[in-house]
Amino acid sequence: MRRYLFALLLCLVVAQSALAQRAPDLRAGLTVQTRKPVNRSQMVPSSTPRWVKWGVAGAVGGAIVFSIAGQSNPDGDRSAIGDAVLGAAIGFVVVGGAIAIYDAVCAPESGSRRAGLCGR
């Protein structure tokens, strides 16, 4: 049970450190104020980040794969729920982390994007 708690704690630490690495947008104070009406859709915070959405998809896939693969193991003392939790943690970190790294490297203003290394 300890290893599952460690995996869960690791997921929470990775998620918090990824949020802490975002730099605030400093350009907002440099814009000239005009008397245009305020667009309410711009004031609403953006939806869930892509890496979280894909991390959840990876967690679901990892839970399914690990629970099925864990039951085919010759050791008889494995639980399907324990394997699913471990697979969900690993799937979230791998898939969500890959998307987070891609988004960081291929941001719209990055040199990688300008050089054409990130596709379209």
N, C-alpha and C. Protein backbone atom coordinates (compact mmCIF):
# COMPACT_ATOMS: atom_id res chain seq x y z
N MET A 1 0.81 -1.18 0.00
CA MET A 1 0.00 0.00 0.00
C MET A 1 0.86 1.25 0.00
N ARG A 2 2.06 1.17 0.58
CA ARG A 2 2.95 2.32 0.63
C ARG A 2 3.36 2.79 -0.75
N ARG A 3 3.61 1.87 -1.65
CA ARG A 3 4.06 2.28 -2.99
C ARG A 3 2.95 2.99 -3.74
N TYR A 4 1.70 2.66 -3.46
CA TYR A 4 0.60 3.36 -4.11
C TYR A 4 0.46 4.77 -3.56
N LEU A 5 0.66 4.93 -2.27
CA LEU A 5 0.61 6.26 -1.70
C LEU A 5 1.75 7.11 -2.21
N PHE A 6 2.91 6.51 -2.38
CA PHE A 6 4.05 7.23 -2.92
C PHE A 6 3.77 7.67 -4.36
N ALA A 7 3.17 6.80 -5.16
CA ALA A 7 2.84 7.15 -6.54
C ALA A 7 1.81 8.28 -6.58
N LEU A 8 0.83 8.25 -5.71
CA LEU A 8 -0.17 9.30 -5.65
C LEU A 8 0.45 10.61 -5.22
N LEU A 9 1.31 10.57 -4.22
CA LEU A 9 2.00 11.77 -3.76
C LEU A 9 2.89 12.34 -4.86
N LEU A 10 3.55 11.48 -5.60
CA LEU A 10 4.39 11.91 -6.69
C LEU A 10 3.58 12.63 -7.76
N CYS A 11 2.40 12.12 -8.07
CA CYS A 11 1.52 12.78 -9.05
C CYS A 11 1.12 14.16 -8.58
N LEU A 12 0.80 14.29 -7.31
CA LEU A 12 0.40 15.60 -6.79
C LEU A 12 1.55 16.58 -6.80
N VAL A 13 2.76 16.14 -6.49
CA VAL A 13 3.92 17.02 -6.50
C VAL A 13 4.24 17.45 -7.94
N VAL A 14 4.17 16.54 -8.88
CA VAL A 14 4.44 16.87 -10.28
C VAL A 14 3.42 17.87 -10.79
N ALA A 15 2.16 17.69 -10.43
CA ALA A 15 1.11 18.60 -10.90
C ALA A 15 1.32 19.99 -10.31
N GLN A 16 1.68 20.09 -9.04
CA GLN A 16 1.88 21.40 -8.43
C GLN A 16 3.12 22.08 -8.98
N SER A 17 4.19 21.35 -9.23
CA SER A 17 5.40 21.98 -9.74
C SER A 17 5.19 22.45 -11.18
N ALA A 18 4.37 21.74 -11.95
CA ALA A 18 4.11 22.18 -13.32
C ALA A 18 3.32 23.48 -13.32
N LEU A 19 2.38 23.65 -12.40
CA LEU A 19 1.64 24.89 -12.31
C LEU A 19 2.52 26.04 -11.84
N ALA A 20 3.48 25.75 -10.99
CA ALA A 20 4.34 26.79 -10.46
C ALA A 20 5.33 27.29 -11.49
N GLN A 21 5.55 26.58 -12.56
CA GLN A 21 6.52 26.99 -13.56
C GLN A 21 5.95 27.93 -14.60
N ARG A 22 4.67 28.19 -14.57
CA ARG A 22 4.07 29.11 -15.53
C ARG A 22 4.44 30.55 -15.16
N ALA A 23 4.89 31.29 -16.15
CA ALA A 23 5.22 32.68 -15.94
C ALA A 23 3.98 33.54 -16.16
N PRO A 24 3.75 34.53 -15.32
CA PRO A 24 2.58 35.39 -15.53
C PRO A 24 2.77 36.26 -16.77
N ASP A 25 1.67 36.63 -17.38
CA ASP A 25 1.73 37.47 -18.56
C ASP A 25 1.91 38.91 -18.12
N LEU A 26 3.06 39.48 -18.42
CA LEU A 26 3.38 40.83 -17.98
C LEU A 26 2.97 41.89 -19.00
N ARG A 27 2.48 41.48 -20.16
CA ARG A 27 2.12 42.44 -21.19
C ARG A 27 0.82 43.16 -20.88
N ALA A 28 0.03 42.66 -19.96
CA ALA A 28 -1.28 43.26 -19.68
C ALA A 28 -1.14 44.69 -19.16
N GLY A 29 -0.11 44.99 -18.41
CA GLY A 29 0.09 46.33 -17.89
C GLY A 29 0.62 47.31 -18.92
N LEU A 30 1.08 46.82 -20.05
CA LEU A 30 1.67 47.68 -21.07
C LEU A 30 0.67 48.12 -22.13
N THR A 31 -0.53 47.62 -22.11
CA THR A 31 -1.49 47.96 -23.14
C THR A 31 -2.13 49.31 -22.86
N VAL A 32 -2.50 49.98 -23.92
CA VAL A 32 -3.15 51.28 -23.79
C VAL A 32 -4.63 51.05 -23.53
N GLN A 33 -5.17 51.71 -22.54
CA GLN A 33 -6.57 51.56 -22.20
C GLN A 33 -7.43 52.37 -23.16
N THR A 34 -8.44 51.75 -23.71
CA THR A 34 -9.39 52.43 -24.58
C THR A 34 -10.78 52.31 -23.99
N ARG A 35 -11.74 52.96 -24.59
CA ARG A 35 -13.10 52.94 -24.07
C ARG A 35 -13.96 51.92 -24.79
N LYS A 36 -13.38 50.83 -25.22
CA LYS A 36 -14.13 49.76 -25.86
C LYS A 36 -14.89 48.98 -24.80
N PRO A 37 -16.05 48.41 -25.16
CA PRO A 37 -16.76 47.58 -24.18
C PRO A 37 -15.96 46.33 -23.86
N VAL A 38 -16.08 45.87 -22.63
CA VAL A 38 -15.33 44.71 -22.17
C VAL A 38 -16.03 43.45 -22.67
N ASN A 39 -15.24 42.55 -23.25
CA ASN A 39 -15.76 41.27 -23.70
C ASN A 39 -15.74 40.31 -22.51
N ARG A 40 -16.90 39.89 -22.06
CA ARG A 40 -16.99 39.03 -20.88
C ARG A 40 -16.30 37.68 -21.08
N SER A 41 -16.23 37.18 -22.30
CA SER A 41 -15.60 35.88 -22.52
C SER A 41 -14.10 35.94 -22.28
N GLN A 42 -13.51 37.11 -22.39
CA GLN A 42 -12.07 37.25 -22.13
C GLN A 42 -11.78 37.30 -20.64
N MET A 43 -12.78 37.64 -19.84
CA MET A 43 -12.57 37.74 -18.40
C MET A 43 -12.70 36.39 -17.70
N VAL A 44 -13.35 35.45 -18.35
CA VAL A 44 -13.53 34.13 -17.77
C VAL A 44 -12.21 33.37 -17.87
N PRO A 45 -11.76 32.75 -16.79
CA PRO A 45 -10.51 32.00 -16.88
C PRO A 45 -10.62 30.86 -17.90
N SER A 46 -9.50 30.54 -18.48
CA SER A 46 -9.49 29.48 -19.50
C SER A 46 -9.88 28.14 -18.88
N SER A 47 -10.21 27.23 -19.74
CA SER A 47 -10.63 25.91 -19.26
C SER A 47 -9.43 25.12 -18.75
N THR A 48 -9.66 23.88 -18.48
CA THR A 48 -8.62 23.00 -17.97
C THR A 48 -7.46 22.92 -18.96
N PRO A 49 -6.22 22.98 -18.48
CA PRO A 49 -5.07 22.89 -19.40
C PRO A 49 -5.04 21.57 -20.15
N ARG A 50 -4.42 21.60 -21.33
CA ARG A 50 -4.35 20.41 -22.17
C ARG A 50 -3.65 19.26 -21.47
N TRP A 51 -2.60 19.53 -20.72
CA TRP A 51 -1.84 18.44 -20.11
C TRP A 51 -2.67 17.72 -19.05
N VAL A 52 -3.60 18.43 -18.40
CA VAL A 52 -4.46 17.76 -17.42
C VAL A 52 -5.47 16.87 -18.13
N LYS A 53 -6.07 17.38 -19.22
CA LYS A 53 -7.04 16.59 -19.98
C LYS A 53 -6.39 15.31 -20.51
N TRP A 54 -5.23 15.45 -21.11
CA TRP A 54 -4.54 14.27 -21.65
C TRP A 54 -4.01 13.39 -20.53
N GLY A 55 -3.64 13.99 -19.40
CA GLY A 55 -3.21 13.19 -18.25
C GLY A 55 -4.32 12.31 -17.72
N VAL A 56 -5.54 12.84 -17.70
CA VAL A 56 -6.69 12.04 -17.27
C VAL A 56 -6.93 10.90 -18.25
N ALA A 57 -6.80 11.20 -19.56
CA ALA A 57 -6.95 10.13 -20.55
C ALA A 57 -5.87 9.06 -20.37
N GLY A 58 -4.64 9.49 -20.09
CA GLY A 58 -3.57 8.54 -19.82
C GLY A 58 -3.80 7.75 -18.56
N ALA A 59 -4.40 8.38 -17.55
CA ALA A 59 -4.70 7.68 -16.30
C ALA A 59 -5.75 6.59 -16.53
N VAL A 60 -6.76 6.90 -17.32
CA VAL A 60 -7.78 5.88 -17.61
C VAL A 60 -7.17 4.72 -18.38
N GLY A 61 -6.40 5.05 -19.41
CA GLY A 61 -5.74 3.99 -20.19
C GLY A 61 -4.78 3.17 -19.36
N GLY A 62 -3.99 3.84 -18.52
CA GLY A 62 -3.04 3.13 -17.67
C GLY A 62 -3.73 2.24 -16.67
N ALA A 63 -4.85 2.70 -16.12
CA ALA A 63 -5.59 1.87 -15.16
C ALA A 63 -6.12 0.62 -15.82
N ILE A 64 -6.64 0.77 -17.04
CA ILE A 64 -7.18 -0.40 -17.75
C ILE A 64 -6.06 -1.38 -18.09
N VAL A 65 -4.99 -0.87 -18.67
CA VAL A 65 -3.90 -1.75 -19.11
C VAL A 65 -3.23 -2.44 -17.92
N PHE A 66 -2.94 -1.69 -16.86
CA PHE A 66 -2.25 -2.29 -15.71
C PHE A 66 -3.13 -3.30 -14.99
N SER A 67 -4.44 -3.03 -14.89
CA SER A 67 -5.29 -3.99 -14.19
C SER A 67 -5.43 -5.28 -14.99
N ILE A 68 -5.49 -5.18 -16.31
CA ILE A 68 -5.58 -6.39 -17.13
C ILE A 68 -4.24 -7.13 -17.13
N ALA A 69 -3.15 -6.39 -17.34
CA ALA A 69 -1.84 -7.02 -17.40
C ALA A 69 -1.42 -7.57 -16.04
N GLY A 70 -1.83 -6.92 -14.96
CA GLY A 70 -1.47 -7.38 -13.62
C GLY A 70 -2.13 -8.69 -13.26
N GLN A 71 -3.29 -8.94 -13.80
CA GLN A 71 -4.00 -10.18 -13.49
C GLN A 71 -3.43 -11.38 -14.24
N SER A 72 -2.68 -11.11 -15.29
CA SER A 72 -2.06 -12.23 -16.02
C SER A 72 -0.72 -12.62 -15.41
N ASN A 73 -0.30 -11.92 -14.37
CA ASN A 73 0.94 -12.20 -13.68
C ASN A 73 0.78 -13.50 -12.88
N PRO A 74 1.79 -14.36 -12.87
CA PRO A 74 1.67 -15.63 -12.15
C PRO A 74 1.58 -15.47 -10.63
N ASP A 75 1.96 -14.30 -10.10
CA ASP A 75 1.80 -14.09 -8.66
C ASP A 75 0.32 -13.99 -8.34
N GLY A 76 -0.13 -14.76 -7.42
CA GLY A 76 -1.55 -14.80 -7.09
C GLY A 76 -2.00 -13.73 -6.12
N ASP A 77 -1.06 -12.99 -5.53
CA ASP A 77 -1.44 -12.03 -4.49
C ASP A 77 -1.57 -10.60 -5.01
N ARG A 78 -1.84 -10.42 -6.28
CA ARG A 78 -1.98 -9.09 -6.87
C ARG A 78 -3.45 -8.68 -6.86
N SER A 79 -3.73 -7.43 -6.57
CA SER A 79 -5.12 -6.96 -6.61
C SER A 79 -5.31 -6.10 -7.86
N ALA A 80 -6.46 -6.23 -8.47
CA ALA A 80 -6.76 -5.47 -9.68
C ALA A 80 -6.86 -3.98 -9.37
N ILE A 81 -7.38 -3.64 -8.21
CA ILE A 81 -7.53 -2.22 -7.86
C ILE A 81 -6.17 -1.58 -7.62
N GLY A 82 -5.29 -2.30 -6.96
CA GLY A 82 -3.94 -1.78 -6.74
C GLY A 82 -3.20 -1.56 -8.04
N ASP A 83 -3.33 -2.54 -8.95
CA ASP A 83 -2.70 -2.38 -10.25
C ASP A 83 -3.31 -1.23 -11.03
N ALA A 84 -4.62 -1.03 -10.91
CA ALA A 84 -5.29 0.07 -11.61
C ALA A 84 -4.84 1.43 -11.09
N VAL A 85 -4.67 1.53 -9.78
CA VAL A 85 -4.22 2.80 -9.19
C VAL A 85 -2.80 3.11 -9.64
N LEU A 86 -1.94 2.12 -9.62
CA LEU A 86 -0.57 2.31 -10.07
C LEU A 86 -0.53 2.68 -11.54
N GLY A 87 -1.32 2.00 -12.36
CA GLY A 87 -1.37 2.30 -13.79
C GLY A 87 -1.92 3.68 -14.06
N ALA A 88 -2.91 4.11 -13.28
CA ALA A 88 -3.47 5.45 -13.45
C ALA A 88 -2.43 6.52 -13.13
N ALA A 89 -1.69 6.31 -12.06
CA ALA A 89 -0.65 7.29 -11.70
C ALA A 89 0.42 7.36 -12.77
N ILE A 90 0.88 6.22 -13.23
CA ILE A 90 1.92 6.20 -14.25
C ILE A 90 1.40 6.78 -15.57
N GLY A 91 0.19 6.42 -15.95
CA GLY A 91 -0.40 6.95 -17.18
C GLY A 91 -0.57 8.45 -17.14
N PHE A 92 -1.01 8.99 -16.00
CA PHE A 92 -1.18 10.43 -15.87
C PHE A 92 0.15 11.15 -16.01
N VAL A 93 1.17 10.65 -15.33
CA VAL A 93 2.48 11.31 -15.36
C VAL A 93 3.10 11.22 -16.75
N VAL A 94 3.02 10.07 -17.38
CA VAL A 94 3.67 9.89 -18.69
C VAL A 94 2.96 10.71 -19.77
N VAL A 95 1.65 10.54 -19.91
CA VAL A 95 0.93 11.22 -20.99
C VAL A 95 0.78 12.71 -20.69
N GLY A 96 0.34 13.05 -19.48
CA GLY A 96 0.21 14.46 -19.12
C GLY A 96 1.54 15.19 -19.14
N GLY A 97 2.58 14.53 -18.66
CA GLY A 97 3.91 15.14 -18.69
C GLY A 97 4.43 15.36 -20.10
N ALA A 98 4.17 14.41 -20.98
CA ALA A 98 4.61 14.57 -22.37
C ALA A 98 3.92 15.75 -23.03
N ILE A 99 2.63 15.92 -22.79
CA ILE A 99 1.90 17.07 -23.36
C ILE A 99 2.39 18.37 -22.74
N ALA A 100 2.66 18.38 -21.44
CA ALA A 100 3.15 19.59 -20.78
C ALA A 100 4.51 20.00 -21.34
N ILE A 101 5.39 19.03 -21.55
CA ILE A 101 6.70 19.34 -22.12
C ILE A 101 6.56 19.83 -23.55
N TYR A 102 5.69 19.20 -24.34
CA TYR A 102 5.47 19.65 -25.71
C TYR A 102 4.93 21.08 -25.74
N ASP A 103 3.96 21.37 -24.88
CA ASP A 103 3.40 22.72 -24.83
C ASP A 103 4.44 23.75 -24.40
N ALA A 104 5.33 23.38 -23.51
CA ALA A 104 6.37 24.31 -23.07
C ALA A 104 7.41 24.54 -24.15
N VAL A 105 7.82 23.48 -24.83
CA VAL A 105 8.85 23.62 -25.86
C VAL A 105 8.29 24.27 -27.12
N CYS A 106 7.06 23.95 -27.46
CA CYS A 106 6.46 24.44 -28.71
C CYS A 106 5.42 25.52 -28.46
N ALA A 107 5.66 26.39 -27.49
CA ALA A 107 4.75 27.50 -27.25
C ALA A 107 4.73 28.42 -28.47
N PRO A 108 3.66 29.19 -28.67
CA PRO A 108 3.58 30.03 -29.88
C PRO A 108 4.73 31.01 -30.03
N GLU A 109 5.29 31.49 -28.94
CA GLU A 109 6.38 32.47 -29.05
C GLU A 109 7.76 31.85 -28.89
N SER A 110 7.85 30.53 -28.93
CA SER A 110 9.14 29.86 -28.71
C SER A 110 9.98 29.83 -29.99
N GLY A 111 11.26 29.68 -29.80
CA GLY A 111 12.17 29.55 -30.93
C GLY A 111 11.95 28.26 -31.71
N SER A 112 11.54 27.22 -31.03
CA SER A 112 11.27 25.94 -31.71
C SER A 112 10.11 26.08 -32.68
N ARG A 113 9.08 26.80 -32.28
CA ARG A 113 7.92 27.02 -33.15
C ARG A 113 8.32 27.88 -34.35
N ARG A 114 9.09 28.93 -34.09
CA ARG A 114 9.51 29.83 -35.19
C ARG A 114 10.43 29.10 -36.17
N ALA A 115 11.22 28.15 -35.68
CA ALA A 115 12.12 27.42 -36.55
C ALA A 115 11.42 26.33 -37.33
N GLY A 116 10.15 26.08 -37.04
CA GLY A 116 9.39 25.06 -37.76
C GLY A 116 9.61 23.65 -37.24
N LEU A 117 10.11 23.52 -36.02
CA LEU A 117 10.38 22.19 -35.48
C LEU A 117 9.17 21.56 -34.82
N CYS A 118 8.07 22.29 -34.68
CA CYS A 118 6.90 21.79 -33.96
C CYS A 118 5.71 21.53 -34.89
N GLY A 119 5.92 21.39 -36.12
CA GLY A 119 4.81 21.15 -37.04
C GLY A 119 4.17 22.45 -37.46
N ARG A 120 2.87 22.42 -37.62
CA ARG A 120 2.17 23.63 -38.10
C ARG A 120 2.14 24.70 -37.10
